[in-house]
């Protein structure tokens, strides 16, 4: 699986080499009908949407698990300034 950065700084997953597994989903009839009428690939749309949800949840959990560290790091920077700040030329 390759992750490619597009021009809007969002990441797109290249799914050409991903192993997939058939699964059953229960979706609203109107959603399925509209998706078919619009030519939307339901499997691809669900896969991409779930990837986004997973990415957001992993980010949220990481932030929650590391909140104390980040707060302490920010406090140290406020108290002492940035490391090597005296050699910064900008």
PDB file of N, CA and C in Angstrom:
ATOM      1  N   UNK A   1       0.852  -1.170   0.000  1.00  0.00           N
ATOM      2  CA  UNK A   1       0.000   0.000   0.000  1.00  0.00           C
ATOM      3  C   UNK A   1       0.895   1.230   0.000  1.00  0.00           C
ATOM      4  N   UNK A   2       0.652   2.115  -0.914  1.00  0.00           N
ATOM      5  CA  UNK A   2       1.400   3.368  -0.985  1.00  0.00           C
ATOM      6  C   UNK A   2       0.488   4.509  -0.585  1.00  0.00           C
ATOM      7  N   UNK A   3       1.071   5.472   0.101  1.00  0.00           N
ATOM      8  CA  UNK A   3       0.309   6.669   0.463  1.00  0.00           C
ATOM      9  C   UNK A   3       0.889   7.821  -0.335  1.00  0.00           C
ATOM     10  N   UNK A   4       0.039   8.497  -1.072  1.00  0.00           N
ATOM     11  CA  UNK A   4       0.458   9.563  -1.958  1.00  0.00           C
ATOM     12  C   UNK A   4      -0.146  10.865  -1.479  1.00  0.00           C
ATOM     13  N   UNK A   5       0.668  11.928  -1.445  1.00  0.00           N
ATOM     14  CA  UNK A   5       0.166  13.240  -1.017  1.00  0.00           C
ATOM     15  C   UNK A   5      -0.333  13.983  -2.258  1.00  0.00           C
ATOM     16  N   UNK A   6      -1.570  14.458  -2.210  1.00  0.00           N
ATOM     17  CA  UNK A   6      -2.084  15.218  -3.344  1.00  0.00           C
ATOM     18  C   UNK A   6      -1.882  16.707  -3.095  1.00  0.00           C
ATOM     19  N   UNK A   7      -2.324  17.533  -4.030  1.00  0.00           N
ATOM     20  CA  UNK A   7      -2.059  18.969  -3.960  1.00  0.00           C
ATOM     21  C   UNK A   7      -2.792  19.676  -2.825  1.00  0.00           C
ATOM     22  N   UNK A   8      -3.832  19.079  -2.274  1.00  0.00           N
ATOM     23  CA  UNK A   8      -4.571  19.722  -1.187  1.00  0.00           C
ATOM     24  C   UNK A   8      -4.065  19.253   0.178  1.00  0.00           C
ATOM     25  N   UNK A   9      -2.902  18.629   0.207  1.00  0.00           N
ATOM     26  CA  UNK A   9      -2.233  18.107   1.405  1.00  0.00           C
ATOM     27  C   UNK A   9      -3.023  17.016   2.117  1.00  0.00           C
ATOM     28  N   UNK A  10      -4.003  16.447   1.467  1.00  0.00           N
ATOM     29  CA  UNK A  10      -4.662  15.269   2.014  1.00  0.00           C
ATOM     30  C   UNK A  10      -3.913  14.053   1.470  1.00  0.00           C
ATOM     31  N   UNK A  11      -4.046  12.958   2.155  1.00  0.00           N
ATOM     32  CA  UNK A  11      -3.361  11.753   1.717  1.00  0.00           C
ATOM     33  C   UNK A  11      -4.344  10.804   1.060  1.00  0.00           C
ATOM     34  N   UNK A  12      -3.931  10.266  -0.055  1.00  0.00           N
ATOM     35  CA  UNK A  12      -4.749   9.329  -0.809  1.00  0.00           C
ATOM     36  C   UNK A  12      -4.053   7.976  -0.754  1.00  0.00           C
ATOM     37  N   UNK A  13      -4.797   6.942  -0.479  1.00  0.00           N
ATOM     38  CA  UNK A  13      -4.205   5.621  -0.409  1.00  0.00           C
ATOM     39  C   UNK A  13      -4.293   4.970  -1.784  1.00  0.00           C
ATOM     40  N   UNK A  14      -3.131   4.543  -2.293  1.00  0.00           N
ATOM     41  CA  UNK A  14      -3.090   3.808  -3.552  1.00  0.00           C
ATOM     42  C   UNK A  14      -3.458   2.365  -3.231  1.00  0.00           C
ATOM     43  N   UNK A  15      -4.635   1.943  -3.641  1.00  0.00           N
ATOM     44  CA  UNK A  15      -5.148   0.636  -3.259  1.00  0.00           C
ATOM     45  C   UNK A  15      -4.865  -0.449  -4.290  1.00  0.00           C
ATOM     46  N   UNK A  16      -3.886  -0.260  -5.151  1.00  0.00           N
ATOM     47  CA  UNK A  16      -3.645  -1.233  -6.204  1.00  0.00           C
ATOM     48  C   UNK A  16      -3.094  -2.556  -5.691  1.00  0.00           C
ATOM     49  N   UNK A  17      -2.395  -2.565  -4.574  1.00  0.00           N
ATOM     50  CA  UNK A  17      -1.786  -3.792  -4.071  1.00  0.00           C
ATOM     51  C   UNK A  17      -2.336  -4.211  -2.711  1.00  0.00           C
ATOM     52  N   UNK A  18      -3.561  -3.847  -2.403  1.00  0.00           N
ATOM     53  CA  UNK A  18      -4.153  -4.174  -1.110  1.00  0.00           C
ATOM     54  C   UNK A  18      -4.978  -5.447  -1.236  1.00  0.00           C
ATOM     55  N   UNK A  19      -4.745  -6.368  -0.310  1.00  0.00           N
ATOM     56  CA  UNK A  19      -5.563  -7.574  -0.265  1.00  0.00           C
ATOM     57  C   UNK A  19      -6.906  -7.204   0.338  1.00  0.00           C
ATOM     58  N   UNK A  20      -7.958  -7.658  -0.283  1.00  0.00           N
ATOM     59  CA  UNK A  20      -9.298  -7.308   0.181  1.00  0.00           C
ATOM     60  C   UNK A  20     -10.058  -8.561   0.584  1.00  0.00           C
ATOM     61  N   UNK A  21     -11.055  -8.379   1.420  1.00  0.00           N
ATOM     62  CA  UNK A  21     -11.892  -9.478   1.885  1.00  0.00           C
ATOM     63  C   UNK A  21     -13.350  -9.088   1.683  1.00  0.00           C
ATOM     64  N   UNK A  22     -14.122  -9.983   1.118  1.00  0.00           N
ATOM     65  CA  UNK A  22     -15.556  -9.726   0.930  1.00  0.00           C
ATOM     66  C   UNK A  22     -16.228  -9.684   2.298  1.00  0.00           C
ATOM     67  N   UNK A  23     -17.165  -8.763   2.441  1.00  0.00           N
ATOM     68  CA  UNK A  23     -17.904  -8.634   3.698  1.00  0.00           C
ATOM     69  C   UNK A  23     -19.321  -8.186   3.386  1.00  0.00           C
ATOM     70  N   UNK A  24     -20.196  -8.367   4.318  1.00  0.00           N
ATOM     71  CA  UNK A  24     -21.582  -7.934   4.147  1.00  0.00           C
ATOM     72  C   UNK A  24     -21.805  -6.645   4.921  1.00  0.00           C
ATOM     73  N   UNK A  25     -22.492  -5.707   4.291  1.00  0.00           N
ATOM     74  CA  UNK A  25     -22.863  -4.450   4.921  1.00  0.00           C
ATOM     75  C   UNK A  25     -24.368  -4.272   4.795  1.00  0.00           C
ATOM     76  N   UNK A  26     -24.942  -3.608   5.746  1.00  0.00           N
ATOM     77  CA  UNK A  26     -26.344  -3.239   5.661  1.00  0.00           C
ATOM     78  C   UNK A  26     -26.398  -1.737   5.473  1.00  0.00           C
ATOM     79  N   UNK A  27     -26.918  -1.319   4.332  1.00  0.00           N
ATOM     80  CA  UNK A  27     -26.992   0.096   4.001  1.00  0.00           C
ATOM     81  C   UNK A  27     -28.425   0.460   3.656  1.00  0.00           C
ATOM     82  N   UNK A  28     -28.744   1.711   3.802  1.00  0.00           N
ATOM     83  CA  UNK A  28     -30.082   2.200   3.450  1.00  0.00           C
ATOM     84  C   UNK A  28     -30.312   2.040   1.955  1.00  0.00           C
ATOM     85  N   UNK A  29     -31.506   1.632   1.603  1.00  0.00           N
ATOM     86  CA  UNK A  29     -31.846   1.385   0.204  1.00  0.00           C
ATOM     87  C   UNK A  29     -31.657   2.635  -0.645  1.00  0.00           C
ATOM     88  N   UNK A  30     -32.096   3.788  -0.127  1.00  0.00           N
ATOM     89  CA  UNK A  30     -31.976   5.015  -0.913  1.00  0.00           C
ATOM     90  C   UNK A  30     -30.512   5.369  -1.172  1.00  0.00           C
ATOM     91  N   UNK A  31     -29.642   5.086  -0.215  1.00  0.00           N
ATOM     92  CA  UNK A  31     -28.219   5.370  -0.396  1.00  0.00           C
ATOM     93  C   UNK A  31     -27.638   4.483  -1.488  1.00  0.00           C
ATOM     94  N   UNK A  32     -27.985   3.208  -1.450  1.00  0.00           N
ATOM     95  CA  UNK A  32     -27.489   2.275  -2.469  1.00  0.00           C
ATOM     96  C   UNK A  32     -27.987   2.684  -3.850  1.00  0.00           C
ATOM     97  N   UNK A  33     -29.266   3.003  -3.952  1.00  0.00           N
ATOM     98  CA  UNK A  33     -29.841   3.390  -5.252  1.00  0.00           C
ATOM     99  C   UNK A  33     -29.187   4.656  -5.788  1.00  0.00           C
ATOM    100  N   UNK A  34     -29.027   5.667  -4.940  1.00  0.00           N
ATOM    101  CA  UNK A  34     -28.398   6.911  -5.379  1.00  0.00           C
ATOM    102  C   UNK A  34     -26.945   6.679  -5.789  1.00  0.00           C
ATOM    103  N   UNK A  35     -26.235   5.879  -5.023  1.00  0.00           N
ATOM    104  CA  UNK A  35     -24.833   5.593  -5.351  1.00  0.00           C
ATOM    105  C   UNK A  35     -24.730   4.913  -6.710  1.00  0.00           C
ATOM    106  N   UNK A  36     -25.596   3.963  -6.959  1.00  0.00           N
ATOM    107  CA  UNK A  36     -25.583   3.265  -8.268  1.00  0.00           C
ATOM    108  C   UNK A  36     -25.919   4.227  -9.401  1.00  0.00           C
ATOM    109  N   UNK A  37     -26.938   5.072  -9.188  1.00  0.00           N
ATOM    110  CA  UNK A  37     -27.315   6.041 -10.217  1.00  0.00           C
ATOM    111  C   UNK A  37     -26.168   7.005 -10.533  1.00  0.00           C
ATOM    112  N   UNK A  38     -25.403   7.352  -9.510  1.00  0.00           N
ATOM    113  CA  UNK A  38     -24.305   8.298  -9.681  1.00  0.00           C
ATOM    114  C   UNK A  38     -22.986   7.624 -10.068  1.00  0.00           C
ATOM    115  N   UNK A  39     -23.001   6.302 -10.167  1.00  0.00           N
ATOM    116  CA  UNK A  39     -21.793   5.583 -10.558  1.00  0.00           C
ATOM    117  C   UNK A  39     -20.735   5.521  -9.463  1.00  0.00           C
ATOM    118  N   UNK A  40     -21.179   5.602  -8.222  1.00  0.00           N
ATOM    119  CA  UNK A  40     -20.245   5.555  -7.097  1.00  0.00           C
ATOM    120  C   UNK A  40     -19.957   4.101  -6.754  1.00  0.00           C
ATOM    121  N   UNK A  41     -18.684   3.779  -6.636  1.00  0.00           N
ATOM    122  CA  UNK A  41     -18.265   2.443  -6.231  1.00  0.00           C
ATOM    123  C   UNK A  41     -18.469   2.349  -4.718  1.00  0.00           C
ATOM    124  N   UNK A  42     -19.470   1.596  -4.300  1.00  0.00           N
ATOM    125  CA  UNK A  42     -19.847   1.532  -2.892  1.00  0.00           C
ATOM    126  C   UNK A  42     -18.725   0.945  -2.050  1.00  0.00           C
ATOM    127  N   UNK A  43     -18.100  -0.119  -2.511  1.00  0.00           N
ATOM    128  CA  UNK A  43     -17.005  -0.737  -1.754  1.00  0.00           C
ATOM    129  C   UNK A  43     -15.857   0.245  -1.556  1.00  0.00           C
ATOM    130  N   UNK A  44     -15.497   0.930  -2.630  1.00  0.00           N
ATOM    131  CA  UNK A  44     -14.388   1.889  -2.554  1.00  0.00           C
ATOM    132  C   UNK A  44     -14.741   3.054  -1.625  1.00  0.00           C
ATOM    133  N   UNK A  45     -15.978   3.556  -1.748  1.00  0.00           N
ATOM    134  CA  UNK A  45     -16.405   4.680  -0.907  1.00  0.00           C
ATOM    135  C   UNK A  45     -16.407   4.282   0.570  1.00  0.00           C
ATOM    136  N   UNK A  46     -16.926   3.099   0.889  1.00  0.00           N
ATOM    137  CA  UNK A  46     -16.942   2.631   2.281  1.00  0.00           C
ATOM    138  C   UNK A  46     -15.527   2.434   2.796  1.00  0.00           C
ATOM    139  N   UNK A  47     -14.664   1.836   1.978  1.00  0.00           N
ATOM    140  CA  UNK A  47     -13.277   1.597   2.370  1.00  0.00           C
ATOM    141  C   UNK A  47     -12.565   2.909   2.680  1.00  0.00           C
ATOM    142  N   UNK A  48     -12.703   3.896   1.792  1.00  0.00           N
ATOM    143  CA  UNK A  48     -12.044   5.188   1.988  1.00  0.00           C
ATOM    144  C   UNK A  48     -12.598   5.921   3.215  1.00  0.00           C
ATOM    145  N   UNK A  49     -13.921   5.846   3.396  1.00  0.00           N
ATOM    146  CA  UNK A  49     -14.533   6.512   4.548  1.00  0.00           C
ATOM    147  C   UNK A  49     -14.056   5.879   5.853  1.00  0.00           C
ATOM    148  N   UNK A  50     -14.030   4.547   5.894  1.00  0.00           N
ATOM    149  CA  UNK A  50     -13.564   3.858   7.099  1.00  0.00           C
ATOM    150  C   UNK A  50     -12.091   4.146   7.378  1.00  0.00           C
ATOM    151  N   UNK A  51     -11.279   4.229   6.336  1.00  0.00           N
ATOM    152  CA  UNK A  51      -9.871   4.584   6.518  1.00  0.00           C
ATOM    153  C   UNK A  51      -9.755   5.953   7.184  1.00  0.00           C
ATOM    154  N   UNK A  52     -10.580   6.893   6.753  1.00  0.00           N
ATOM    155  CA  UNK A  52     -10.577   8.222   7.363  1.00  0.00           C
ATOM    156  C   UNK A  52     -10.990   8.179   8.822  1.00  0.00           C
ATOM    157  N   UNK A  53     -12.030   7.426   9.132  1.00  0.00           N
ATOM    158  CA  UNK A  53     -12.474   7.292  10.524  1.00  0.00           C
ATOM    159  C   UNK A  53     -11.392   6.649  11.384  1.00  0.00           C
ATOM    160  N   UNK A  54     -10.748   5.629  10.849  1.00  0.00           N
ATOM    161  CA  UNK A  54      -9.681   4.948  11.590  1.00  0.00           C
ATOM    162  C   UNK A  54      -8.527   5.901  11.847  1.00  0.00           C
ATOM    163  N   UNK A  55      -8.135   6.652  10.827  1.00  0.00           N
ATOM    164  CA  UNK A  55      -7.035   7.618  10.969  1.00  0.00           C
ATOM    165  C   UNK A  55      -7.379   8.662  12.042  1.00  0.00           C
ATOM    166  N   UNK A  56      -8.604   9.184  12.008  1.00  0.00           N
ATOM    167  CA  UNK A  56      -9.030  10.176  12.995  1.00  0.00           C
ATOM    168  C   UNK A  56      -9.045   9.592  14.405  1.00  0.00           C
ATOM    169  N   UNK A  57      -9.532   8.362  14.546  1.00  0.00           N
ATOM    170  CA  UNK A  57      -9.596   7.738  15.869  1.00  0.00           C
ATOM    171  C   UNK A  57      -8.198   7.441  16.408  1.00  0.00           C
ATOM    172  N   UNK A  58      -7.296   6.972  15.541  1.00  0.00           N
ATOM    173  CA  UNK A  58      -5.915   6.735  15.975  1.00  0.00           C
ATOM    174  C   UNK A  58      -5.261   8.042  16.419  1.00  0.00           C
ATOM    175  N   UNK A  59      -5.507   9.116  15.688  1.00  0.00           N
ATOM    176  CA  UNK A  59      -4.967  10.430  16.057  1.00  0.00           C
ATOM    177  C   UNK A  59      -5.520  10.875  17.402  1.00  0.00           C
ATOM    178  N   UNK A  60      -6.821  10.737  17.590  1.00  0.00           N
ATOM    179  CA  UNK A  60      -7.460  11.128  18.844  1.00  0.00           C
ATOM    180  C   UNK A  60      -6.895  10.338  20.016  1.00  0.00           C
ATOM    181  N   UNK A  61      -6.750   9.025  19.824  1.00  0.00           N
ATOM    182  CA  UNK A  61      -6.216   8.185  20.898  1.00  0.00           C
ATOM    183  C   UNK A  61      -4.772   8.549  21.212  1.00  0.00           C
ATOM    184  N   UNK A  62      -3.970   8.805  20.179  1.00  0.00           N
ATOM    185  CA  UNK A  62      -2.573   9.181  20.403  1.00  0.00           C
ATOM    186  C   UNK A  62      -2.509  10.481  21.197  1.00  0.00           C
ATOM    187  N   UNK A  63      -3.316  11.466  20.788  1.00  0.00           N
ATOM    188  CA  UNK A  63      -3.327  12.748  21.489  1.00  0.00           C
ATOM    189  C   UNK A  63      -3.745  12.572  22.941  1.00  0.00           C
ATOM    190  N   UNK A  64      -4.730  11.727  23.170  1.00  0.00           N
ATOM    191  CA  UNK A  64      -5.205  11.478  24.524  1.00  0.00           C
ATOM    192  C   UNK A  64      -4.118  10.780  25.349  1.00  0.00           C
ATOM    193  N   UNK A  65      -3.468   9.778  24.776  1.00  0.00           N
ATOM    194  CA  UNK A  65      -2.444   9.019  25.494  1.00  0.00           C
ATOM    195  C   UNK A  65      -1.191   9.849  25.781  1.00  0.00           C
ATOM    196  N   UNK A  66      -0.918  10.849  24.951  1.00  0.00           N
ATOM    197  CA  UNK A  66       0.299  11.631  25.093  1.00  0.00           C
ATOM    198  C   UNK A  66       0.049  13.064  25.565  1.00  0.00           C
ATOM    199  N   UNK A  67      -1.151  13.339  26.015  1.00  0.00           N
ATOM    200  CA  UNK A  67      -1.507  14.703  26.421  1.00  0.00           C
ATOM    201  C   UNK A  67      -0.621  15.216  27.549  1.00  0.00           C
ATOM    202  N   UNK A  68      -0.319  14.374  28.524  1.00  0.00           N
ATOM    203  CA  UNK A  68       0.531  14.811  29.644  1.00  0.00           C
ATOM    204  C   UNK A  68       1.931  15.169  29.163  1.00  0.00           C
ATOM    205  N   UNK A  69       2.480  14.341  28.298  1.00  0.00           N
ATOM    206  CA  UNK A  69       3.811  14.605  27.766  1.00  0.00           C
ATOM    207  C   UNK A  69       3.839  15.913  26.968  1.00  0.00           C
ATOM    208  N   UNK A  70       2.859  16.099  26.111  1.00  0.00           N
ATOM    209  CA  UNK A  70       2.803  17.311  25.288  1.00  0.00           C
ATOM    210  C   UNK A  70       2.654  18.546  26.167  1.00  0.00           C
ATOM    211  N   UNK A  71       1.802  18.464  27.172  1.00  0.00           N
ATOM    212  CA  UNK A  71       1.616  19.598  28.095  1.00  0.00           C
ATOM    213  C   UNK A  71       2.912  19.910  28.831  1.00  0.00           C
ATOM    214  N   UNK A  72       3.606  18.880  29.315  1.00  0.00           N
ATOM    215  CA  UNK A  72       4.868  19.092  30.029  1.00  0.00           C
ATOM    216  C   UNK A  72       5.918  19.663  29.090  1.00  0.00           C
ATOM    217  N   UNK A  73       5.978  19.155  27.862  1.00  0.00           N
ATOM    218  CA  UNK A  73       6.933  19.670  26.881  1.00  0.00           C
ATOM    219  C   UNK A  73       6.660  21.145  26.585  1.00  0.00           C
ATOM    220  N   UNK A  74       5.398  21.497  26.415  1.00  0.00           N
ATOM    221  CA  UNK A  74       5.029  22.894  26.170  1.00  0.00           C
ATOM    222  C   UNK A  74       5.383  23.776  27.359  1.00  0.00           C
ATOM    223  N   UNK A  75       5.187  23.250  28.559  1.00  0.00           N
ATOM    224  CA  UNK A  75       5.522  24.006  29.771  1.00  0.00           C
ATOM    225  C   UNK A  75       7.029  24.273  29.840  1.00  0.00           C
ATOM    226  N   UNK A  76       7.827  23.274  29.520  1.00  0.00           N
ATOM    227  CA  UNK A  76       9.283  23.434  29.531  1.00  0.00           C
ATOM    228  C   UNK A  76       9.713  24.486  28.521  1.00  0.00           C
ATOM    229  N   UNK A  77       9.116  24.456  27.321  1.00  0.00           N
ATOM    230  CA  UNK A  77       9.455  25.442  26.292  1.00  0.00           C
ATOM    231  C   UNK A  77       9.065  26.843  26.760  1.00  0.00           C
ATOM    232  N   UNK A  78       7.917  26.974  27.400  1.00  0.00           N
ATOM    233  CA  UNK A  78       7.503  28.284  27.922  1.00  0.00           C
ATOM    234  C   UNK A  78       8.465  28.792  28.990  1.00  0.00           C
ATOM    235  N   UNK A  79       8.914  27.901  29.843  1.00  0.00           N
ATOM    236  CA  UNK A  79       9.801  28.288  30.935  1.00  0.00           C
ATOM    237  C   UNK A  79      11.227  28.560  30.470  1.00  0.00           C
ATOM    238  N   UNK A  80      11.733  27.721  29.570  1.00  0.00           N
ATOM    239  CA  UNK A  80      13.148  27.781  29.192  1.00  0.00           C
ATOM    240  C   UNK A  80      13.398  28.248  27.767  1.00  0.00           C
ATOM    241  N   UNK A  81      12.351  28.319  26.968  1.00  0.00           N
ATOM    242  CA  UNK A  81      12.519  28.634  25.551  1.00  0.00           C
ATOM    243  C   UNK A  81      12.841  27.380  24.755  1.00  0.00           C
ATOM    244  N   UNK A  82      12.974  27.561  23.454  1.00  0.00           N
ATOM    245  CA  UNK A  82      13.268  26.426  22.588  1.00  0.00           C
ATOM    246  C   UNK A  82      14.719  25.998  22.736  1.00  0.00           C
ATOM    247  N   UNK A  83      14.988  24.702  22.658  1.00  0.00           N
ATOM    248  CA  UNK A  83      16.379  24.255  22.681  1.00  0.00           C
ATOM    249  C   UNK A  83      17.135  24.853  21.493  1.00  0.00           C
ATOM    250  N   UNK A  84      18.351  25.238  21.724  1.00  0.00           N
ATOM    251  CA  UNK A  84      19.218  25.814  20.684  1.00  0.00           C
ATOM    252  C   UNK A  84      18.688  27.129  20.132  1.00  0.00           C
ATOM    253  N   UNK A  85      17.757  27.755  20.838  1.00  0.00           N
ATOM    254  CA  UNK A  85      17.145  29.012  20.376  1.00  0.00           C
ATOM    255  C   UNK A  85      18.183  30.117  20.183  1.00  0.00           C
ATOM    256  N   UNK A  86      19.214  30.116  20.984  1.00  0.00           N
ATOM    257  CA  UNK A  86      20.229  31.168  20.894  1.00  0.00           C
ATOM    258  C   UNK A  86      21.003  31.131  19.577  1.00  0.00           C
ATOM    259  N   UNK A  87      21.006  30.001  18.881  1.00  0.00           N
ATOM    260  CA  UNK A  87      21.724  29.874  17.612  1.00  0.00           C
ATOM    261  C   UNK A  87      20.793  30.025  16.409  1.00  0.00           C
ATOM    262  N   UNK A  88      19.529  30.249  16.668  1.00  0.00           N
ATOM    263  CA  UNK A  88      18.570  30.413  15.562  1.00  0.00           C
ATOM    264  C   UNK A  88      18.797  31.724  14.846  1.00  0.00           C
ATOM    265  N   UNK A  89      18.783  31.694  13.519  1.00  0.00           N
ATOM    266  CA  UNK A  89      19.037  32.929  12.750  1.00  0.00           C
ATOM    267  C   UNK A  89      17.769  33.530  12.161  1.00  0.00           C
ATOM    268  N   UNK A  90      16.618  33.051  12.553  1.00  0.00           N
ATOM    269  CA  UNK A  90      15.351  33.598  12.053  1.00  0.00           C
ATOM    270  C   UNK A  90      14.416  33.905  13.169  1.00  0.00           C
TER     271      UNK A  90
END
